PDB file of all heavy atoms in Angstrom:
ATOM      1  N   TYR A   1     -65.236  34.050  79.075  1.00  0.00           N
ATOM      2  CA  TYR A   1     -63.778  33.893  79.144  1.00  0.00           C
ATOM      3  C   TYR A   1     -63.230  33.762  77.731  1.00  0.00           C
ATOM      4  O   TYR A   1     -63.852  33.138  76.863  1.00  0.00           O
ATOM      5  CB  TYR A   1     -63.404  32.637  79.938  1.00  0.00           C
ATOM      6  CG  TYR A   1     -63.794  32.680  81.391  1.00  0.00           C
ATOM      7  CD1 TYR A   1     -65.086  32.326  81.787  1.00  0.00           C
ATOM      8  CD2 TYR A   1     -62.886  33.058  82.381  1.00  0.00           C
ATOM      9  CE1 TYR A   1     -65.456  32.346  83.126  1.00  0.00           C
ATOM     10  CE2 TYR A   1     -63.246  33.075  83.719  1.00  0.00           C
ATOM     11  CZ  TYR A   1     -64.537  32.719  84.084  1.00  0.00           C
ATOM     12  OH  TYR A   1     -64.896  32.740  85.413  1.00  0.00           O
ATOM     13  N   LEU A   2     -62.040  34.338  77.510  1.00  0.00           N
ATOM     14  CA  LEU A   2     -61.338  34.166  76.237  1.00  0.00           C
ATOM     15  C   LEU A   2     -60.146  33.239  76.468  1.00  0.00           C
ATOM     16  O   LEU A   2     -59.227  33.558  77.231  1.00  0.00           O
ATOM     17  CB  LEU A   2     -60.864  35.502  75.679  1.00  0.00           C
ATOM     18  CG  LEU A   2     -61.846  36.291  74.810  1.00  0.00           C
ATOM     19  CD1 LEU A   2     -61.144  37.492  74.176  1.00  0.00           C
ATOM     20  CD2 LEU A   2     -62.476  35.435  73.720  1.00  0.00           C
ATOM     21  N   LEU A   3     -60.170  32.088  75.788  1.00  0.00           N
ATOM     22  CA  LEU A   3     -59.151  31.063  75.956  1.00  0.00           C
ATOM     23  C   LEU A   3     -58.108  31.177  74.853  1.00  0.00           C
ATOM     24  O   LEU A   3     -58.440  31.163  73.670  1.00  0.00           O
ATOM     25  CB  LEU A   3     -59.817  29.682  75.914  1.00  0.00           C
ATOM     26  CG  LEU A   3     -58.918  28.448  76.061  1.00  0.00           C
ATOM     27  CD1 LEU A   3     -58.326  28.376  77.469  1.00  0.00           C
ATOM     28  CD2 LEU A   3     -59.722  27.185  75.756  1.00  0.00           C
ATOM     29  N   ASN A   4     -56.827  31.275  75.248  1.00  0.00           N
ATOM     30  CA  ASN A   4     -55.719  31.333  74.296  1.00  0.00           C
ATOM     31  C   ASN A   4     -54.551  30.489  74.803  1.00  0.00           C
ATOM     32  O   ASN A   4     -54.254  30.485  76.008  1.00  0.00           O
ATOM     33  CB  ASN A   4     -55.233  32.781  74.109  1.00  0.00           C
ATOM     34  CG  ASN A   4     -56.176  33.610  73.266  1.00  0.00           C
ATOM     35  OD1 ASN A   4     -56.156  33.539  72.037  1.00  0.00           O
ATOM     36  ND2 ASN A   4     -57.032  34.379  73.939  1.00  0.00           N
ATOM     37  N   GLY A   5     -53.907  29.785  73.875  1.00  0.00           N
ATOM     38  CA  GLY A   5     -52.748  28.983  74.257  1.00  0.00           C
ATOM     39  C   GLY A   5     -52.695  27.673  73.506  1.00  0.00           C
ATOM     40  O   GLY A   5     -53.415  27.470  72.517  1.00  0.00           O
ATOM     41  N   GLU A   6     -51.826  26.776  73.976  1.00  0.00           N
ATOM     42  CA  GLU A   6     -51.634  25.489  73.315  1.00  0.00           C
ATOM     43  C   GLU A   6     -51.477  24.379  74.342  1.00  0.00           C
ATOM     44  O   GLU A   6     -50.945  24.605  75.436  1.00  0.00           O
ATOM     45  CB  GLU A   6     -50.397  25.525  72.406  1.00  0.00           C
ATOM     46  CG  GLU A   6     -50.512  26.539  71.271  1.00  0.00           C
ATOM     47  CD  GLU A   6     -49.294  26.538  70.354  1.00  0.00           C
ATOM     48  OE1 GLU A   6     -48.374  25.718  70.605  1.00  0.00           O
ATOM     49  OE2 GLU A   6     -49.263  27.331  69.409  1.00  0.00           O
ATOM     50  N   LYS A   7     -51.907  23.184  73.977  1.00  0.00           N
ATOM     51  CA  LYS A   7     -51.680  21.969  74.758  1.00  0.00           C
ATOM     52  C   LYS A   7     -50.988  20.948  73.856  1.00  0.00           C
ATOM     53  O   LYS A   7     -51.045  21.039  72.634  1.00  0.00           O
ATOM     54  CB  LYS A   7     -53.001  21.412  75.299  1.00  0.00           C
ATOM     55  CG  LYS A   7     -53.747  22.357  76.247  1.00  0.00           C
ATOM     56  CD  LYS A   7     -53.015  22.545  77.559  1.00  0.00           C
ATOM     57  CE  LYS A   7     -53.799  23.450  78.511  1.00  0.00           C
ATOM     58  NZ  LYS A   7     -53.092  23.617  79.812  1.00  0.00           N
ATOM     59  N   TRP A   8     -50.358  19.944  74.479  1.00  0.00           N
ATOM     60  CA  TRP A   8     -49.524  19.017  73.711  1.00  0.00           C
ATOM     61  C   TRP A   8     -49.680  17.604  74.240  1.00  0.00           C
ATOM     62  O   TRP A   8     -49.941  17.403  75.419  1.00  0.00           O
ATOM     63  CB  TRP A   8     -48.061  19.458  73.801  1.00  0.00           C
ATOM     64  CG  TRP A   8     -47.138  18.774  72.833  1.00  0.00           C
ATOM     65  CD1 TRP A   8     -46.090  17.953  73.122  1.00  0.00           C
ATOM     66  CD2 TRP A   8     -47.168  18.887  71.399  1.00  0.00           C
ATOM     67  NE1 TRP A   8     -45.469  17.543  71.969  1.00  0.00           N
ATOM     68  CE2 TRP A   8     -46.114  18.102  70.884  1.00  0.00           C
ATOM     69  CE3 TRP A   8     -48.000  19.575  70.510  1.00  0.00           C
ATOM     70  CZ2 TRP A   8     -45.853  17.973  69.526  1.00  0.00           C
ATOM     71  CZ3 TRP A   8     -47.748  19.444  69.155  1.00  0.00           C
ATOM     72  CH2 TRP A   8     -46.683  18.665  68.674  1.00  0.00           C
ATOM     73  N   LEU A   9     -49.546  16.630  73.334  1.00  0.00           N
ATOM     74  CA  LEU A   9     -49.638  15.211  73.697  1.00  0.00           C
ATOM     75  C   LEU A   9     -51.000  14.889  74.330  1.00  0.00           C
ATOM     76  O   LEU A   9     -51.079  14.223  75.357  1.00  0.00           O
ATOM     77  CB  LEU A   9     -48.516  14.823  74.670  1.00  0.00           C
ATOM     78  CG  LEU A   9     -47.207  14.342  74.040  1.00  0.00           C
ATOM     79  CD1 LEU A   9     -46.147  14.140  75.111  1.00  0.00           C
ATOM     80  CD2 LEU A   9     -47.406  13.057  73.254  1.00  0.00           C
ATOM     81  N   ILE A  10     -52.057  15.330  73.688  1.00  0.00           N
ATOM     82  CA  ILE A  10     -53.414  15.120  74.196  1.00  0.00           C
ATOM     83  C   ILE A  10     -54.045  13.938  73.472  1.00  0.00           C
ATOM     84  O   ILE A  10     -54.034  13.864  72.237  1.00  0.00           O
ATOM     85  CB  ILE A  10     -54.273  16.394  74.016  1.00  0.00           C
ATOM     86  CG1 ILE A  10     -53.544  17.611  74.604  1.00  0.00           C
ATOM     87  CG2 ILE A  10     -55.635  16.201  74.648  1.00  0.00           C
ATOM     88  CD1 ILE A  10     -53.130  17.474  76.053  1.00  0.00           C
ATOM     89  N   SER A  11     -54.609  13.012  74.230  1.00  0.00           N
ATOM     90  CA  SER A  11     -55.198  11.802  73.657  1.00  0.00           C
ATOM     91  C   SER A  11     -56.649  12.037  73.229  1.00  0.00           C
ATOM     92  O   SER A  11     -57.312  12.957  73.711  1.00  0.00           O
ATOM     93  CB  SER A  11     -55.168  10.660  74.685  1.00  0.00           C
ATOM     94  OG  SER A  11     -53.910  10.519  75.276  1.00  0.00           O
ATOM     95  N   HIS A  12     -57.127  11.174  72.333  1.00  0.00           N
ATOM     96  CA  HIS A  12     -58.544  11.071  71.962  1.00  0.00           C
ATOM     97  C   HIS A  12     -59.084  12.336  71.280  1.00  0.00           C
ATOM     98  O   HIS A  12     -60.278  12.607  71.301  1.00  0.00           O
ATOM     99  CB  HIS A  12     -59.415  10.757  73.192  1.00  0.00           C
ATOM    100  CG  HIS A  12     -58.739   9.873  74.188  1.00  0.00           C
ATOM    101  ND1 HIS A  12     -58.321   8.597  73.875  1.00  0.00           N
ATOM    102  CD2 HIS A  12     -58.352  10.093  75.480  1.00  0.00           C
ATOM    103  CE1 HIS A  12     -57.718   8.070  74.945  1.00  0.00           C
ATOM    104  NE2 HIS A  12     -57.722   8.949  75.916  1.00  0.00           N
ATOM    105  N   THR A  13     -58.195  13.100  70.651  1.00  0.00           N
ATOM    106  CA  THR A  13     -58.628  14.349  70.028  1.00  0.00           C
ATOM    107  C   THR A  13     -59.517  14.103  68.815  1.00  0.00           C
ATOM    108  O   THR A  13     -60.292  14.984  68.423  1.00  0.00           O
ATOM    109  CB  THR A  13     -57.410  15.180  69.590  1.00  0.00           C
ATOM    110  OG1 THR A  13     -56.619  14.404  68.681  1.00  0.00           O
ATOM    111  CG2 THR A  13     -56.554  15.561  70.790  1.00  0.00           C
ATOM    112  N   ASP A  14     -59.402  12.919  68.210  1.00  0.00           N
ATOM    113  CA  ASP A  14     -60.142  12.650  66.977  1.00  0.00           C
ATOM    114  C   ASP A  14     -61.542  12.096  67.223  1.00  0.00           C
ATOM    115  O   ASP A  14     -62.304  11.908  66.274  1.00  0.00           O
ATOM    116  CB  ASP A  14     -59.357  11.675  66.095  1.00  0.00           C
ATOM    117  CG  ASP A  14     -59.070  10.349  66.791  1.00  0.00           C
ATOM    118  OD1 ASP A  14     -59.236  10.277  68.024  1.00  0.00           O
ATOM    119  OD2 ASP A  14     -58.673   9.390  66.101  1.00  0.00           O
ATOM    120  N   CYS A  15     -61.895  11.842  68.479  1.00  0.00           N
ATOM    121  CA  CYS A  15     -63.217  11.269  68.756  1.00  0.00           C
ATOM    122  C   CYS A  15     -63.941  11.996  69.885  1.00  0.00           C
ATOM    123  O   CYS A  15     -64.938  11.500  70.410  1.00  0.00           O
ATOM    124  CB  CYS A  15     -63.089   9.782  69.101  1.00  0.00           C
ATOM    125  SG  CYS A  15     -62.236   9.461  70.662  1.00  0.00           S
ATOM    126  N   SER A  16     -63.433  13.168  70.273  1.00  0.00           N
ATOM    127  CA  SER A  16     -64.009  13.904  71.398  1.00  0.00           C
ATOM    128  C   SER A  16     -64.936  15.023  70.926  1.00  0.00           C
ATOM    129  O   SER A  16     -64.743  15.604  69.863  1.00  0.00           O
ATOM    130  CB  SER A  16     -62.900  14.507  72.272  1.00  0.00           C
ATOM    131  OG  SER A  16     -62.140  13.494  72.880  1.00  0.00           O
ATOM    132  N   ASP A  17     -65.895  15.307  71.775  1.00  0.00           N
ATOM    133  CA  ASP A  17     -66.840  16.396  71.515  1.00  0.00           C
ATOM    134  C   ASP A  17     -66.492  17.641  72.328  1.00  0.00           C
ATOM    135  O   ASP A  17     -66.829  18.762  71.944  1.00  0.00           O
ATOM    136  CB  ASP A  17     -68.257  15.935  71.866  1.00  0.00           C
ATOM    137  CG  ASP A  17     -68.613  14.638  71.162  1.00  0.00           C
ATOM    138  OD1 ASP A  17     -68.902  14.675  69.967  1.00  0.00           O
ATOM    139  OD2 ASP A  17     -68.568  13.567  71.818  1.00  0.00           O
ATOM    140  N   TYR A  18     -65.844  17.419  73.471  1.00  0.00           N
ATOM    141  CA  TYR A  18     -65.423  18.503  74.362  1.00  0.00           C
ATOM    142  C   TYR A  18     -64.035  18.164  74.897  1.00  0.00           C
ATOM    143  O   TYR A  18     -63.568  17.029  74.787  1.00  0.00           O
ATOM    144  CB  TYR A  18     -66.384  18.659  75.554  1.00  0.00           C
ATOM    145  CG  TYR A  18     -67.793  19.054  75.201  1.00  0.00           C
ATOM    146  CD1 TYR A  18     -68.725  18.095  74.804  1.00  0.00           C
ATOM    147  CD2 TYR A  18     -68.221  20.383  75.286  1.00  0.00           C
ATOM    148  CE1 TYR A  18     -70.027  18.448  74.482  1.00  0.00           C
ATOM    149  CE2 TYR A  18     -69.519  20.744  74.975  1.00  0.00           C
ATOM    150  CZ  TYR A  18     -70.420  19.773  74.574  1.00  0.00           C
ATOM    151  OH  TYR A  18     -71.717  20.124  74.262  1.00  0.00           O
ATOM    152  N   THR A  19     -63.398  19.181  75.516  1.00  0.00           N
ATOM    153  CA  THR A  19     -62.088  18.991  76.137  1.00  0.00           C
ATOM    154  C   THR A  19     -62.066  19.688  77.493  1.00  0.00           C
ATOM    155  O   THR A  19     -62.458  20.850  77.601  1.00  0.00           O
ATOM    156  CB  THR A  19     -60.969  19.581  75.258  1.00  0.00           C
ATOM    157  OG1 THR A  19     -60.967  18.920  73.981  1.00  0.00           O
ATOM    158  CG2 THR A  19     -59.605  19.399  75.906  1.00  0.00           C
ATOM    159  N   TYR A  20     -61.613  18.960  78.527  1.00  0.00           N
ATOM    160  CA  TYR A  20     -61.331  19.598  79.816  1.00  0.00           C
ATOM    161  C   TYR A  20     -59.993  20.321  79.686  1.00  0.00           C
ATOM    162  O   TYR A  20     -58.979  19.705  79.322  1.00  0.00           O
ATOM    163  CB  TYR A  20     -61.225  18.565  80.934  1.00  0.00           C
ATOM    164  CG  TYR A  20     -62.476  17.769  81.202  1.00  0.00           C
ATOM    165  CD1 TYR A  20     -62.493  16.387  81.023  1.00  0.00           C
ATOM    166  CD2 TYR A  20     -63.637  18.384  81.677  1.00  0.00           C
ATOM    167  CE1 TYR A  20     -63.636  15.641  81.295  1.00  0.00           C
ATOM    168  CE2 TYR A  20     -64.784  17.648  81.949  1.00  0.00           C
ATOM    169  CZ  TYR A  20     -64.775  16.273  81.756  1.00  0.00           C
ATOM    170  OH  TYR A  20     -65.904  15.527  82.021  1.00  0.00           O
ATOM    171  N   VAL A  21     -59.968  21.617  79.983  1.00  0.00           N
ATOM    172  CA  VAL A  21     -58.751  22.420  79.824  1.00  0.00           C
ATOM    173  C   VAL A  21     -58.421  23.110  81.147  1.00  0.00           C
ATOM    174  O   VAL A  21     -59.287  23.735  81.767  1.00  0.00           O
ATOM    175  CB  VAL A  21     -58.925  23.481  78.716  1.00  0.00           C
ATOM    176  CG1 VAL A  21     -57.690  24.393  78.640  1.00  0.00           C
ATOM    177  CG2 VAL A  21     -59.164  22.815  77.361  1.00  0.00           C
ATOM    178  N   ILE A  22     -57.151  22.999  81.564  1.00  0.00           N
ATOM    179  CA  ILE A  22     -56.642  23.733  82.720  1.00  0.00           C
ATOM    180  C   ILE A  22     -55.913  24.966  82.198  1.00  0.00           C
ATOM    181  O   ILE A  22     -55.019  24.856  81.349  1.00  0.00           O
ATOM    182  CB  ILE A  22     -55.678  22.878  83.565  1.00  0.00           C
ATOM    183  CG1 ILE A  22     -56.311  21.522  83.904  1.00  0.00           C
ATOM    184  CG2 ILE A  22     -55.277  23.621  84.832  1.00  0.00           C
ATOM    185  CD1 ILE A  22     -57.559  21.594  84.738  1.00  0.00           C
ATOM    186  N   ALA A  23     -56.302  26.145  82.691  1.00  0.00           N
ATOM    187  CA  ALA A  23     -55.745  27.392  82.163  1.00  0.00           C
ATOM    188  C   ALA A  23     -55.593  28.432  83.277  1.00  0.00           C
ATOM    189  O   ALA A  23     -56.225  28.339  84.340  1.00  0.00           O
ATOM    190  CB  ALA A  23     -56.652  27.950  81.059  1.00  0.00           C
ATOM    191  N   VAL A  24     -54.752  29.436  83.006  1.00  0.00           N
ATOM    192  CA  VAL A  24     -54.535  30.536  83.942  1.00  0.00           C
ATOM    193  C   VAL A  24     -55.693  31.524  83.813  1.00  0.00           C
ATOM    194  O   VAL A  24     -55.965  32.029  82.721  1.00  0.00           O
ATOM    195  CB  VAL A  24     -53.203  31.257  83.646  1.00  0.00           C
ATOM    196  CG1 VAL A  24     -53.029  32.476  84.559  1.00  0.00           C
ATOM    197  CG2 VAL A  24     -52.035  30.295  83.798  1.00  0.00           C
ATOM    198  N   THR A  25     -56.354  31.821  84.920  1.00  0.00           N
ATOM    199  CA  THR A  25     -57.436  32.819  84.911  1.00  0.00           C
ATOM    200  C   THR A  25     -57.047  34.101  85.652  1.00  0.00           C
ATOM    201  O   THR A  25     -57.692  35.135  85.477  1.00  0.00           O
ATOM    202  CB  THR A  25     -58.723  32.253  85.531  1.00  0.00           C
ATOM    203  OG1 THR A  25     -58.424  31.585  86.758  1.00  0.00           O
ATOM    204  CG2 THR A  25     -59.392  31.268  84.582  1.00  0.00           C
ATOM    205  N   ASP A  26     -56.017  34.033  86.486  1.00  0.00           N
ATOM    206  CA  ASP A  26     -55.593  35.225  87.220  1.00  0.00           C
ATOM    207  C   ASP A  26     -54.070  35.200  87.353  1.00  0.00           C
ATOM    208  O   ASP A  26     -53.519  34.547  88.238  1.00  0.00           O
ATOM    209  CB  ASP A  26     -56.245  35.265  88.603  1.00  0.00           C
ATOM    210  CG  ASP A  26     -56.041  36.612  89.297  1.00  0.00           C
ATOM    211  OD1 ASP A  26     -55.097  37.334  88.926  1.00  0.00           O
ATOM    212  OD2 ASP A  26     -56.828  36.931  90.217  1.00  0.00           O
ATOM    213  N   GLU A  27     -53.388  35.934  86.481  1.00  0.00           N
ATOM    214  CA  GLU A  27     -51.921  35.923  86.463  1.00  0.00           C
ATOM    215  C   GLU A  27     -51.311  36.635  87.661  1.00  0.00           C
ATOM    216  O   GLU A  27     -50.111  36.497  87.924  1.00  0.00           O
ATOM    217  CB  GLU A  27     -51.430  36.557  85.168  1.00  0.00           C
ATOM    218  CG  GLU A  27     -51.802  35.749  83.924  1.00  0.00           C
ATOM    219  CD  GLU A  27     -51.423  36.428  82.627  1.00  0.00           C
ATOM    220  OE1 GLU A  27     -51.867  37.586  82.428  1.00  0.00           O
ATOM    221  OE2 GLU A  27     -50.701  35.818  81.818  1.00  0.00           O
ATOM    222  N   SER A  28     -52.114  37.380  88.410  1.00  0.00           N
ATOM    223  CA  SER A  28     -51.590  38.106  89.567  1.00  0.00           C
ATOM    224  C   SER A  28     -51.441  37.203  90.794  1.00  0.00           C
ATOM    225  O   SER A  28     -50.746  37.562  91.746  1.00  0.00           O
ATOM    226  CB  SER A  28     -52.514  39.279  89.919  1.00  0.00           C
ATOM    227  OG  SER A  28     -53.781  38.808  90.399  1.00  0.00           O
ATOM    228  N   LYS A  29     -52.081  36.057  90.762  1.00  0.00           N
ATOM    229  CA  LYS A  29     -52.002  35.136  91.902  1.00  0.00           C
ATOM    230  C   LYS A  29     -50.805  34.206  91.763  1.00  0.00           C
ATOM    231  O   LYS A  29     -50.179  34.120  90.709  1.00  0.00           O
ATOM    232  CB  LYS A  29     -53.298  34.337  92.016  1.00  0.00           C
ATOM    233  CG  LYS A  29     -54.491  35.205  92.413  1.00  0.00           C
ATOM    234  CD  LYS A  29     -55.742  34.366  92.640  1.00  0.00           C
ATOM    235  CE  LYS A  29     -56.894  35.251  93.108  1.00  0.00           C
ATOM    236  NZ  LYS A  29     -58.144  34.471  93.313  1.00  0.00           N
ATOM    237  N   GLU A  30     -50.498  33.499  92.833  1.00  0.00           N
ATOM    238  CA  GLU A  30     -49.312  32.652  92.851  1.00  0.00           C
ATOM    239  C   GLU A  30     -49.663  31.192  92.599  1.00  0.00           C
ATOM    240  O   GLU A  30     -50.693  30.691  93.033  1.00  0.00           O
ATOM    241  CB  GLU A  30     -48.590  32.776  94.201  1.00  0.00           C
ATOM    242  CG  GLU A  30     -48.019  34.159  94.470  1.00  0.00           C
ATOM    243  CD  GLU A  30     -47.200  34.201  95.744  1.00  0.00           C
ATOM    244  OE1 GLU A  30     -47.092  33.150  96.417  1.00  0.00           O
ATOM    245  OE2 GLU A  30     -46.682  35.275  96.072  1.00  0.00           O
ATOM    246  N   LYS A  31     -48.777  30.524  91.875  1.00  0.00           N
ATOM    247  CA  LYS A  31     -48.787  29.083  91.667  1.00  0.00           C
ATOM    248  C   LYS A  31     -50.179  28.551  91.324  1.00  0.00           C
ATOM    249  O   LYS A  31     -50.829  29.008  90.412  1.00  0.00           O
ATOM    250  CB  LYS A  31     -48.197  28.392  92.898  1.00  0.00           C
ATOM    251  CG  LYS A  31     -46.727  28.763  93.142  1.00  0.00           C
ATOM    252  CD  LYS A  31     -46.144  27.997  94.309  1.00  0.00           C
ATOM    253  CE  LYS A  31     -44.674  28.343  94.488  1.00  0.00           C
ATOM    254  NZ  LYS A  31     -44.054  27.626  95.634  1.00  0.00           N
ATOM    255  N   ASP A  32     -50.649  27.564  92.096  1.00  0.00           N
ATOM    256  CA  ASP A  32     -51.872  26.855  91.736  1.00  0.00           C
ATOM    257  C   ASP A  32     -53.113  27.742  91.762  1.00  0.00           C
ATOM    258  O   ASP A  32     -54.079  27.469  91.052  1.00  0.00           O
ATOM    259  CB  ASP A  32     -52.093  25.667  92.686  1.00  0.00           C
ATOM    260  CG  ASP A  32     -51.005  24.611  92.552  1.00  0.00           C
ATOM    261  OD1 ASP A  32     -50.168  24.747  91.639  1.00  0.00           O
ATOM    262  OD2 ASP A  32     -50.993  23.670  93.356  1.00  0.00           O
ATOM    263  N   ASP A  33     -53.104  28.800  92.573  1.00  0.00           N
ATOM    264  CA  ASP A  33     -54.277  29.670  92.676  1.00  0.00           C
ATOM    265  C   ASP A  33     -54.562  30.417  91.380  1.00  0.00           C
ATOM    266  O   ASP A  33     -55.640  30.992  91.216  1.00  0.00           O
ATOM    267  CB  ASP A  33     -54.097  30.686  93.816  1.00  0.00           C
ATOM    268  CG  ASP A  33     -54.116  30.027  95.191  1.00  0.00           C
ATOM    269  OD1 ASP A  33     -54.673  28.907  95.296  1.00  0.00           O
ATOM    270  OD2 ASP A  33     -53.569  30.613  96.142  1.00  0.00           O
ATOM    271  N   ARG A  34     -53.597  30.417  90.462  1.00  0.00           N
ATOM    272  CA  ARG A  34     -53.802  31.098  89.175  1.00  0.00           C
ATOM    273  C   ARG A  34     -54.703  30.302  88.243  1.00  0.00           C
ATOM    274  O   ARG A  34     -55.220  30.832  87.273  1.00  0.00           O
ATOM    275  CB  ARG A  34     -52.454  31.275  88.455  1.00  0.00           C
ATOM    276  CG  ARG A  34     -51.377  31.977  89.250  1.00  0.00           C
ATOM    277  CD  ARG A  34     -50.081  32.074  88.457  1.00  0.00           C
ATOM    278  NE  ARG A  34     -49.729  30.824  87.828  1.00  0.00           N
ATOM    279  CZ  ARG A  34     -49.304  30.703  86.556  1.00  0.00           C
ATOM    280  NH1 ARG A  34     -49.212  31.775  85.795  1.00  0.00           N
ATOM    281  NH2 ARG A  34     -48.995  29.521  86.066  1.00  0.00           N
TER     282      ARG A  34
END
């Protein structure tokens, strides 16, 4: 997968090793299914 975009007001960025990210994987689907 190629991840592109921005997130804002994210906590603990200075001490984290990984980040859980919610992103759109299928723009053809509606609402939450994307």
